[in-house]
C-alpha atoms as a PDB file:
ATOM      1  CA  MET A   1      63.000  21.391  39.107  1.00  0.00           C
ATOM      2  CA  ILE A   2      61.311  23.530  36.999  1.00  0.00           C
ATOM      3  CA  LYS A   3      59.261  22.691  34.178  1.00  0.00           C
ATOM      4  CA  PHE A   4      59.188  24.600  30.786  1.00  0.00           C
ATOM      5  CA  LYS A   5      58.465  25.030  27.120  1.00  0.00           C
ATOM      6  CA  LYS A   6      60.257  27.132  25.106  1.00  0.00           C
ATOM      7  CA  MET A   7      58.596  29.185  22.426  1.00  0.00           C
ATOM      8  CA  HIS A   8      59.360  31.774  19.584  1.00  0.00           C
ATOM      9  CA  GLY A   9      57.678  34.524  18.002  1.00  0.00           C
ATOM     10  CA  ASN A  10      58.774  35.780  14.515  1.00  0.00           C
ATOM     11  CA  GLY A  11      61.987  34.756  16.251  1.00  0.00           C
ATOM     12  CA  ASN A  12      61.489  36.287  19.772  1.00  0.00           C
ATOM     13  CA  ASP A  13      62.245  33.421  21.833  1.00  0.00           C
ATOM     14  CA  PHE A  14      61.023  32.381  25.221  1.00  0.00           C
ATOM     15  CA  ILE A  15      61.318  30.255  28.105  1.00  0.00           C
ATOM     16  CA  VAL A  16      57.170  29.806  29.421  1.00  0.00           C
ATOM     17  CA  ILE A  17      56.579  28.490  32.834  1.00  0.00           C
ATOM     18  CA  GLU A  18      53.444  28.141  33.753  1.00  0.00           C
ATOM     19  CA  ASN A  19      52.582  29.130  37.472  1.00  0.00           C
ATOM     20  CA  LEU A  20      48.653  27.362  37.201  1.00  0.00           C
ATOM     21  CA  THR A  21      48.707  24.335  38.181  1.00  0.00           C
ATOM     22  CA  LYS A  22      51.577  24.631  40.236  1.00  0.00           C
ATOM     23  CA  PRO A  23      53.203  27.233  41.208  1.00  0.00           C
ATOM     24  CA  GLN A  24      57.252  27.425  40.341  1.00  0.00           C
ATOM     25  CA  PRO A  25      58.849  30.514  41.709  1.00  0.00           C
ATOM     26  CA  LEU A  26      61.860  32.010  40.300  1.00  0.00           C
ATOM     27  CA  THR A  27      64.702  33.934  41.828  1.00  0.00           C
ATOM     28  CA  LYS A  28      66.586  36.723  39.595  1.00  0.00           C
ATOM     29  CA  ALA A  29      69.830  34.938  40.021  1.00  0.00           C
ATOM     30  CA  GLN A  30      67.823  31.473  38.475  1.00  0.00           C
ATOM     31  CA  ILE A  31      66.579  33.348  35.978  1.00  0.00           C
ATOM     32  CA  ILE A  32      69.658  34.973  35.085  1.00  0.00           C
ATOM     33  CA  LYS A  33      71.305  31.536  35.076  1.00  0.00           C
ATOM     34  CA  MET A  34      68.416  29.986  32.592  1.00  0.00           C
ATOM     35  CA  GLY A  35      68.886  32.904  30.302  1.00  0.00           C
ATOM     36  CA  ASN A  36      72.472  32.090  29.447  1.00  0.00           C
ATOM     37  CA  ARG A  37      73.162  30.575  25.739  1.00  0.00           C
ATOM     38  CA  LYS A  38      76.079  28.804  26.690  1.00  0.00           C
ATOM     39  CA  THR A  39      75.218  27.450  30.044  1.00  0.00           C
ATOM     40  CA  GLY A  40      71.763  28.065  30.331  1.00  0.00           C
ATOM     41  CA  ILE A  41      68.629  27.287  28.290  1.00  0.00           C
ATOM     42  CA  GLY A  42      68.996  30.564  26.029  1.00  0.00           C
ATOM     43  CA  PHE A  43      66.263  33.207  25.508  1.00  0.00           C
ATOM     44  CA  ASP A  44      65.280  36.966  24.816  1.00  0.00           C
ATOM     45  CA  GLN A  45      62.323  36.722  27.659  1.00  0.00           C
ATOM     46  CA  LEU A  46      61.273  34.386  30.328  1.00  0.00           C
ATOM     47  CA  ILE A  47      57.340  34.819  30.538  1.00  0.00           C
ATOM     48  CA  THR A  48      55.126  33.457  33.449  1.00  0.00           C
ATOM     49  CA  ILE A  49      51.078  32.374  33.375  1.00  0.00           C
ATOM     50  CA  ASN A  50      49.830  33.160  36.225  1.00  0.00           C
ATOM     51  CA  PRO A  51      46.198  33.538  37.874  1.00  0.00           C
ATOM     52  CA  PRO A  52      44.528  36.696  37.052  1.00  0.00           C
ATOM     53  CA  LYS A  53      44.487  39.224  39.299  1.00  0.00           C
ATOM     54  CA  LYS A  54      41.086  41.013  37.955  1.00  0.00           C
ATOM     55  CA  ALA A  55      37.928  39.382  37.482  1.00  0.00           C
ATOM     56  CA  HIS A  56      37.822  40.304  33.517  1.00  0.00           C
ATOM     57  CA  HIS A  57      41.197  38.629  32.952  1.00  0.00           C
ATOM     58  CA  ASP A  58      41.492  35.017  32.031  1.00  0.00           C
ATOM     59  CA  LEU A  59      45.585  35.670  33.065  1.00  0.00           C
ATOM     60  CA  TYR A  60      48.129  37.704  34.242  1.00  0.00           C
ATOM     61  CA  ILE A  61      51.350  37.352  32.712  1.00  0.00           C
ATOM     62  CA  ARG A  62      55.054  38.398  33.729  1.00  0.00           C
ATOM     63  CA  PHE A  63      57.940  39.192  31.403  1.00  0.00           C
ATOM     64  CA  PHE A  64      61.813  38.965  32.595  1.00  0.00           C
ATOM     65  CA  ASN A  65      64.494  40.031  30.413  1.00  0.00           C
ATOM     66  CA  SER A  66      67.745  37.613  30.220  1.00  0.00           C
ATOM     67  CA  ASP A  67      69.772  40.175  32.757  1.00  0.00           C
ATOM     68  CA  GLY A  68      66.578  39.382  35.491  1.00  0.00           C
ATOM     69  CA  SER A  69      64.657  42.679  35.133  1.00  0.00           C
ATOM     70  CA  GLU A  70      61.221  42.768  35.032  1.00  0.00           C
ATOM     71  CA  ALA A  71      59.282  44.532  31.753  1.00  0.00           C
ATOM     72  CA  SER A  72      56.546  46.110  30.858  1.00  0.00           C
ATOM     73  CA  MET A  73      55.335  44.648  28.012  1.00  0.00           C
ATOM     74  CA  CYS A  74      56.269  41.523  25.463  1.00  0.00           C
ATOM     75  CA  LEU A  75      53.458  41.838  22.348  1.00  0.00           C
ATOM     76  CA  ASN A  76      55.560  38.950  20.718  1.00  0.00           C
ATOM     77  CA  GLY A  77      55.526  36.992  24.280  1.00  0.00           C
ATOM     78  CA  VAL A  78      51.872  37.816  24.587  1.00  0.00           C
ATOM     79  CA  ARG A  79      51.146  35.705  21.035  1.00  0.00           C
ATOM     80  CA  SER A  80      53.244  33.022  22.427  1.00  0.00           C
ATOM     81  CA  VAL A  81      51.372  32.566  25.414  1.00  0.00           C
ATOM     82  CA  GLY A  82      48.153  32.168  23.490  1.00  0.00           C
ATOM     83  CA  ALA A  83      50.265  29.113  21.479  1.00  0.00           C
ATOM     84  CA  PHE A  84      51.021  27.582  24.811  1.00  0.00           C
ATOM     85  CA  VAL A  85      47.311  27.677  26.310  1.00  0.00           C
ATOM     86  CA  TRP A  86      45.661  26.787  23.704  1.00  0.00           C
ATOM     87  CA  GLU A  87      48.346  23.831  23.008  1.00  0.00           C
ATOM     88  CA  GLU A  88      48.205  23.144  26.771  1.00  0.00           C
ATOM     89  CA  ARG A  89      44.634  23.389  26.624  1.00  0.00           C
ATOM     90  CA  LEU A  90      44.597  25.418  29.856  1.00  0.00           C
ATOM     91  CA  LEU A  91      42.024  27.265  28.194  1.00  0.00           C
ATOM     92  CA  PRO A  92      39.624  27.100  25.008  1.00  0.00           C
ATOM     93  CA  LYS A  93      40.745  28.166  22.303  1.00  0.00           C
ATOM     94  CA  LYS A  94      38.757  31.680  21.727  1.00  0.00           C
ATOM     95  CA  ALA A  95      39.956  35.443  22.129  1.00  0.00           C
ATOM     96  CA  ILE A  96      41.640  35.772  25.297  1.00  0.00           C
ATOM     97  CA  THR A  97      42.321  38.623  28.054  1.00  0.00           C
ATOM     98  CA  LEU A  98      45.291  39.143  29.431  1.00  0.00           C
ATOM     99  CA  GLY A  99      46.307  41.610  32.398  1.00  0.00           C
ATOM    100  CA  THR A 100      49.956  42.855  32.347  1.00  0.00           C
ATOM    101  CA  LYS A 101      52.332  45.331  34.304  1.00  0.00           C
ATOM    102  CA  SER A 102      50.963  47.893  32.168  1.00  0.00           C
ATOM    103  CA  ARG A 103      47.881  46.920  30.137  1.00  0.00           C
ATOM    104  CA  ASP A 104      45.443  44.362  29.293  1.00  0.00           C
ATOM    105  CA  ILE A 105      45.639  42.457  25.882  1.00  0.00           C
ATOM    106  CA  GLU A 106      42.717  40.418  24.119  1.00  0.00           C
ATOM    107  CA  ILE A 107      45.005  37.611  21.854  1.00  0.00           C
ATOM    108  CA  LEU A 108      43.187  35.681  19.546  1.00  0.00           C
ATOM    109  CA  PRO A 109      43.681  32.208  17.289  1.00  0.00           C
ATOM    110  CA  THR A 110      43.254  31.890  13.783  1.00  0.00           C
ATOM    111  CA  LYS A 111      43.314  28.653  11.389  1.00  0.00           C
ATOM    112  CA  SER A 112      47.180  28.541  10.638  1.00  0.00           C
ATOM    113  CA  LYS A 113      50.184  29.107  13.692  1.00  0.00           C
ATOM    114  CA  LEU A 114      49.909  33.078  13.409  1.00  0.00           C
ATOM    115  CA  VAL A 115      48.133  34.283  16.268  1.00  0.00           C
ATOM    116  CA  LYS A 116      46.671  37.961  16.849  1.00  0.00           C
ATOM    117  CA  ALA A 117      47.081  40.371  19.239  1.00  0.00           C
ATOM    118  CA  ILE A 118      44.633  43.252  20.223  1.00  0.00           C
ATOM    119  CA  ILE A 119      45.914  46.424  22.292  1.00  0.00           C
ATOM    120  CA  ALA A 120      44.785  49.763  23.049  1.00  0.00           C
ATOM    121  CA  LEU A 121      46.802  51.963  20.291  1.00  0.00           C
ATOM    122  CA  PRO A 122      50.326  53.074  20.983  1.00  0.00           C
ATOM    123  CA  ALA A 123      50.874  56.893  22.422  1.00  0.00           C
ATOM    124  CA  LEU A 124      53.174  59.202  21.091  1.00  0.00           C
ATOM    125  CA  GLU A 125      55.048  60.530  23.590  1.00  0.00           C
ATOM    126  CA  GLU A 126      57.339  63.972  23.876  1.00  0.00           C
ATOM    127  CA  ILE A 127      61.190  64.051  24.062  1.00  0.00           C
ATOM    128  CA  PRO A 128      62.222  66.677  26.628  1.00  0.00           C
ATOM    129  CA  LYS A 129      64.835  69.394  24.928  1.00  0.00           C
ATOM    130  CA  MET A 130      67.209  68.228  26.751  1.00  0.00           C
ATOM    131  CA  GLU A 131      67.314  64.394  25.314  1.00  0.00           C
ATOM    132  CA  LYS A 132      67.002  65.777  22.081  1.00  0.00           C
ATOM    133  CA  LYS A 133      70.245  67.739  21.972  1.00  0.00           C
ATOM    134  CA  HIS A 134      71.733  65.287  23.625  1.00  0.00           C
ATOM    135  CA  LEU A 135      70.337  62.702  20.551  1.00  0.00           C
ATOM    136  CA  GLU A 136      71.546  65.294  18.451  1.00  0.00           C
ATOM    137  CA  LYS A 137      75.097  64.774  19.481  1.00  0.00           C
ATOM    138  CA  TYR A 138      74.717  60.944  17.459  1.00  0.00           C
ATOM    139  CA  GLY A 139      73.059  62.708  14.229  1.00  0.00           C
ATOM    140  CA  ILE A 140      69.455  62.172  15.403  1.00  0.00           C
ATOM    141  CA  THR A 141      66.958  64.536  15.202  1.00  0.00           C
ATOM    142  CA  ASN A 142      64.174  63.091  14.102  1.00  0.00           C
ATOM    143  CA  ALA A 143      63.937  59.987  16.752  1.00  0.00           C
ATOM    144  CA  LYS A 144      60.455  59.474  17.949  1.00  0.00           C
ATOM    145  CA  CYS A 145      59.098  58.014  21.626  1.00  0.00           C
ATOM    146  CA  VAL A 146      56.092  55.963  21.430  1.00  0.00           C
ATOM    147  CA  ASN A 147      54.405  54.032  24.268  1.00  0.00           C
ATOM    148  CA  VAL A 148      53.167  50.869  23.742  1.00  0.00           C
ATOM    149  CA  GLY A 149      52.899  49.592  27.494  1.00  0.00           C
ATOM    150  CA  ASN A 150      56.313  49.926  27.522  1.00  0.00           C
ATOM    151  CA  TYR A 151      58.651  52.597  25.904  1.00  0.00           C
ATOM    152  CA  HIS A 152      60.534  52.968  22.520  1.00  0.00           C
ATOM    153  CA  LEU A 153      62.552  54.938  21.123  1.00  0.00           C
ATOM    154  CA  LEU A 154      62.468  54.499  17.292  1.00  0.00           C
ATOM    155  CA  VAL A 155      65.018  56.268  14.714  1.00  0.00           C
ATOM    156  CA  GLU A 156      64.409  56.552  10.727  1.00  0.00           C
ATOM    157  CA  VAL A 157      68.050  55.951   8.860  1.00  0.00           C
ATOM    158  CA  ASN A 158      68.901  55.152   5.317  1.00  0.00           C
ATOM    159  CA  LYS A 159      70.494  51.645   6.060  1.00  0.00           C
ATOM    160  CA  THR A 160      69.466  49.862   9.219  1.00  0.00           C
ATOM    161  CA  GLU A 161      72.039  46.941   8.441  1.00  0.00           C
ATOM    162  CA  SER A 162      75.182  48.704   8.712  1.00  0.00           C
ATOM    163  CA  TYR A 163      74.070  50.899  11.696  1.00  0.00           C
ATOM    164  CA  ASP A 164      75.984  50.031  14.813  1.00  0.00           C
ATOM    165  CA  LEU A 165      73.192  49.830  17.072  1.00  0.00           C
ATOM    166  CA  SER A 166      75.033  48.274  20.379  1.00  0.00           C
ATOM    167  CA  SER A 167      77.045  51.320  20.647  1.00  0.00           C
ATOM    168  CA  LEU A 168      74.490  53.593  20.112  1.00  0.00           C
ATOM    169  CA  CYS A 169      72.049  51.868  22.815  1.00  0.00           C
ATOM    170  CA  ALA A 170      75.226  51.690  25.298  1.00  0.00           C
ATOM    171  CA  GLN A 171      75.710  55.647  24.803  1.00  0.00           C
ATOM    172  CA  LEU A 172      71.833  56.649  25.166  1.00  0.00           C
ATOM    173  CA  ARG A 173      71.221  54.233  28.168  1.00  0.00           C
ATOM    174  CA  LYS A 174      73.575  55.789  30.509  1.00  0.00           C
ATOM    175  CA  ARG A 175      71.194  58.630  30.807  1.00  0.00           C
ATOM    176  CA  ILE A 176      68.004  57.909  32.791  1.00  0.00           C
ATOM    177  CA  PHE A 177      65.442  58.886  30.406  1.00  0.00           C
ATOM    178  CA  PHE A 178      66.511  55.893  27.775  1.00  0.00           C
ATOM    179  CA  LYS A 179      67.794  53.832  30.225  1.00  0.00           C
ATOM    180  CA  ASP A 180      64.936  51.171  30.137  1.00  0.00           C
ATOM    181  CA  MET A 181      63.907  52.231  26.710  1.00  0.00           C
ATOM    182  CA  ASN A 182      63.604  50.090  24.052  1.00  0.00           C
ATOM    183  CA  ILE A 183      65.391  51.542  21.285  1.00  0.00           C
ATOM    184  CA  SER A 184      64.743  50.805  17.011  1.00  0.00           C
ATOM    185  CA  LEU A 185      66.529  51.642  13.932  1.00  0.00           C
ATOM    186  CA  PHE A 186      63.594  51.550  10.864  1.00  0.00           C
ATOM    187  CA  LYS A 187      63.253  52.463   7.592  1.00  0.00           C
ATOM    188  CA  LYS A 188      60.790  52.127   4.354  1.00  0.00           C
ATOM    189  CA  ALA A 189      60.610  49.805   1.956  1.00  0.00           C
ATOM    190  CA  LEU A 190      57.939  49.263  -0.937  1.00  0.00           C
ATOM    191  CA  GLY A 191      54.776  50.503   1.467  1.00  0.00           C
ATOM    192  CA  ASP A 192      56.696  48.134   4.203  1.00  0.00           C
ATOM    193  CA  LEU A 193      58.878  49.054   7.174  1.00  0.00           C
ATOM    194  CA  SER A 194      62.023  47.331   8.182  1.00  0.00           C
ATOM    195  CA  LEU A 195      62.889  47.366  11.719  1.00  0.00           C
ATOM    196  CA  ARG A 196      66.345  46.406  13.978  1.00  0.00           C
ATOM    197  CA  THR A 197      65.205  46.419  17.819  1.00  0.00           C
ATOM    198  CA  ASN A 198      67.833  46.214  21.046  1.00  0.00           C
ATOM    199  CA  GLU A 199      65.278  45.748  23.875  1.00  0.00           C
ATOM    200  CA  ALA A 200      66.607  46.683  27.183  1.00  0.00           C
ATOM    201  CA  GLY A 201      67.636  43.855  29.229  1.00  0.00           C
ATOM    202  CA  ALA A 202      67.968  41.585  26.397  1.00  0.00           C
ATOM    203  CA  GLY A 203      70.133  43.474  23.885  1.00  0.00           C
ATOM    204  CA  GLU A 204      69.232  43.473  20.320  1.00  0.00           C
ATOM    205  CA  THR A 205      66.611  40.494  19.388  1.00  0.00           C
ATOM    206  CA  LEU A 206      65.934  38.783  15.697  1.00  0.00           C
ATOM    207  CA  SER A 207      62.263  40.528  16.645  1.00  0.00           C
ATOM    208  CA  CYS A 208      60.105  43.146  18.801  1.00  0.00           C
ATOM    209  CA  GLY A 209      56.806  43.091  18.565  1.00  0.00           C
ATOM    210  CA  SER A 210      55.850  46.084  20.414  1.00  0.00           C
ATOM    211  CA  ALA A 211      58.965  47.866  18.334  1.00  0.00           C
ATOM    212  CA  SER A 212      56.525  46.613  15.519  1.00  0.00           C
ATOM    213  CA  ALA A 213      53.399  47.909  16.921  1.00  0.00           C
ATOM    214  CA  ALA A 214      54.807  51.527  18.526  1.00  0.00           C
ATOM    215  CA  VAL A 215      56.463  51.871  14.262  1.00  0.00           C
ATOM    216  CA  ALA A 216      53.203  50.757  12.621  1.00  0.00           C
ATOM    217  CA  SER A 217      51.458  53.318  14.235  1.00  0.00           C
ATOM    218  CA  LEU A 218      53.434  56.151  12.901  1.00  0.00           C
ATOM    219  CA  HIS A 219      52.506  55.002   9.888  1.00  0.00           C
ATOM    220  CA  LEU A 220      49.067  53.560   9.524  1.00  0.00           C
ATOM    221  CA  LYS A 221      45.623  54.592   7.837  1.00  0.00           C
ATOM    222  CA  LYS A 222      42.885  53.287   8.786  1.00  0.00           C
ATOM    223  CA  ASN A 223      41.208  50.390   7.169  1.00  0.00           C
ATOM    224  CA  LYS A 224      45.131  49.437   5.983  1.00  0.00           C
ATOM    225  CA  LYS A 225      47.651  46.820   6.701  1.00  0.00           C
ATOM    226  CA  LEU A 226      50.962  47.505   6.877  1.00  0.00           C
ATOM    227  CA  THR A 227      53.874  44.831   7.184  1.00  0.00           C
ATOM    228  CA  VAL A 228      56.877  44.959   9.643  1.00  0.00           C
ATOM    229  CA  ASN A 229      60.124  43.234   8.693  1.00  0.00           C
ATOM    230  CA  SER A 230      62.776  42.013  10.669  1.00  0.00           C
ATOM    231  CA  ALA A 231      65.010  39.452  11.006  1.00  0.00           C
ATOM    232  CA  GLY A 232      62.842  37.066  12.595  1.00  0.00           C
ATOM    233  CA  GLY A 233      60.012  37.458   9.859  1.00  0.00           C
ATOM    234  CA  SER A 234      57.409  39.867   9.139  1.00  0.00           C
ATOM    235  CA  ILE A 235      54.445  40.909  11.580  1.00  0.00           C
ATOM    236  CA  SER A 236      51.055  42.640  10.312  1.00  0.00           C
ATOM    237  CA  LEU A 237      49.228  45.254  11.600  1.00  0.00           C
ATOM    238  CA  ARG A 238      46.338  47.443  11.568  1.00  0.00           C
ATOM    239  CA  ILE A 239      43.937  49.695  13.002  1.00  0.00           C
ATOM    240  CA  VAL A 240      40.593  48.467  14.337  1.00  0.00           C
ATOM    241  CA  GLY A 241      38.415  51.178  15.592  1.00  0.00           C
ATOM    242  CA  ASP A 242      40.348  52.717  18.615  1.00  0.00           C
ATOM    243  CA  LYS A 243      42.548  49.201  18.362  1.00  0.00           C
ATOM    244  CA  LEU A 244      46.061  48.088  16.996  1.00  0.00           C
ATOM    245  CA  GLU A 245      45.760  44.496  16.111  1.00  0.00           C
ATOM    246  CA  MET A 246      49.185  42.575  15.188  1.00  0.00           C
ATOM    247  CA  THR A 247      49.020  38.968  13.282  1.00  0.00           C
ATOM    248  CA  GLY A 248      52.122  36.816  13.657  1.00  0.00           C
ATOM    249  CA  PRO A 249      53.724  33.830  14.122  1.00  0.00           C
ATOM    250  CA  ALA A 250      53.561  32.115  17.303  1.00  0.00           C
ATOM    251  CA  GLU A 251      54.973  28.276  18.052  1.00  0.00           C
ATOM    252  CA  CYS A 252      56.653  25.937  20.368  1.00  0.00           C
ATOM    253  CA  ILE A 253      60.510  24.861  19.743  1.00  0.00           C
ATOM    254  CA  CYS A 254      60.808  22.789  22.707  1.00  0.00           C
ATOM    255  CA  GLU A 255      59.851  21.776  26.288  1.00  0.00           C
ATOM    256  CA  GLY A 256      61.852  19.954  29.504  1.00  0.00           C
ATOM    257  CA  ILE A 257      62.458  20.744  32.749  1.00  0.00           C
ATOM    258  CA  TRP A 258      65.283  23.228  34.449  1.00  0.00           C
ATOM    259  CA  THR A 259      67.190  20.737  37.057  1.00  0.00           C
ATOM    260  CA  LYS A 260      70.191  23.091  37.663  1.00  0.00           C
ATOM    261  CA  ASN A 261      69.441  25.688  41.053  1.00  0.00           C
END
């Protein structure tokens, strides 16, 4: 039996499992069963909270997609981890440093249900010429690749809603360069950004925190806030020094015990 809480961060839903007081190991097959939205619990990612690996970490966090693969980063997820540990009183309600597979993240509570996450500024990466030519086959000439601890392909479009994102992702991920990449469509609207994301290993989600950080990093000006709107809600971002600060919702939906093998 596995004890869990189901959380969401801006509509991005998670199963959170705490491995601090009692380790609860999971196999890939179990993760896939739990992730099934018809016969399991259903989630975009499953998150495990583990003892720290380094002295300056408070916790070490792992992320698993609904197909059982492991993800490097999930910013909506780390905010949900903060809501979880403070609600469970596993740590004092103050700033926490999390270690992940790709980088450190600081999370901070607010006076509301919003949680802040602070990360190193995302980095713009070069798309190889061969891959740019491949994108041109789909009419894509303005894509950007951004590293937020995981990789994002960002495509600016006129209309995000009517675009067949699923088909585009199925085609692009046949190539090694795009295989594990989150792929997003965005458009500018009244000073804000509108975003849709298909996450590698999870499919299209109502919100993607790291995609929001990626696209915001291309448009943010210092000392200015930018809002990224997704189907799940809105996330606010700003640059603070040499860091990117994200503020968004994170809360518990329900809790229970997984009894299946």
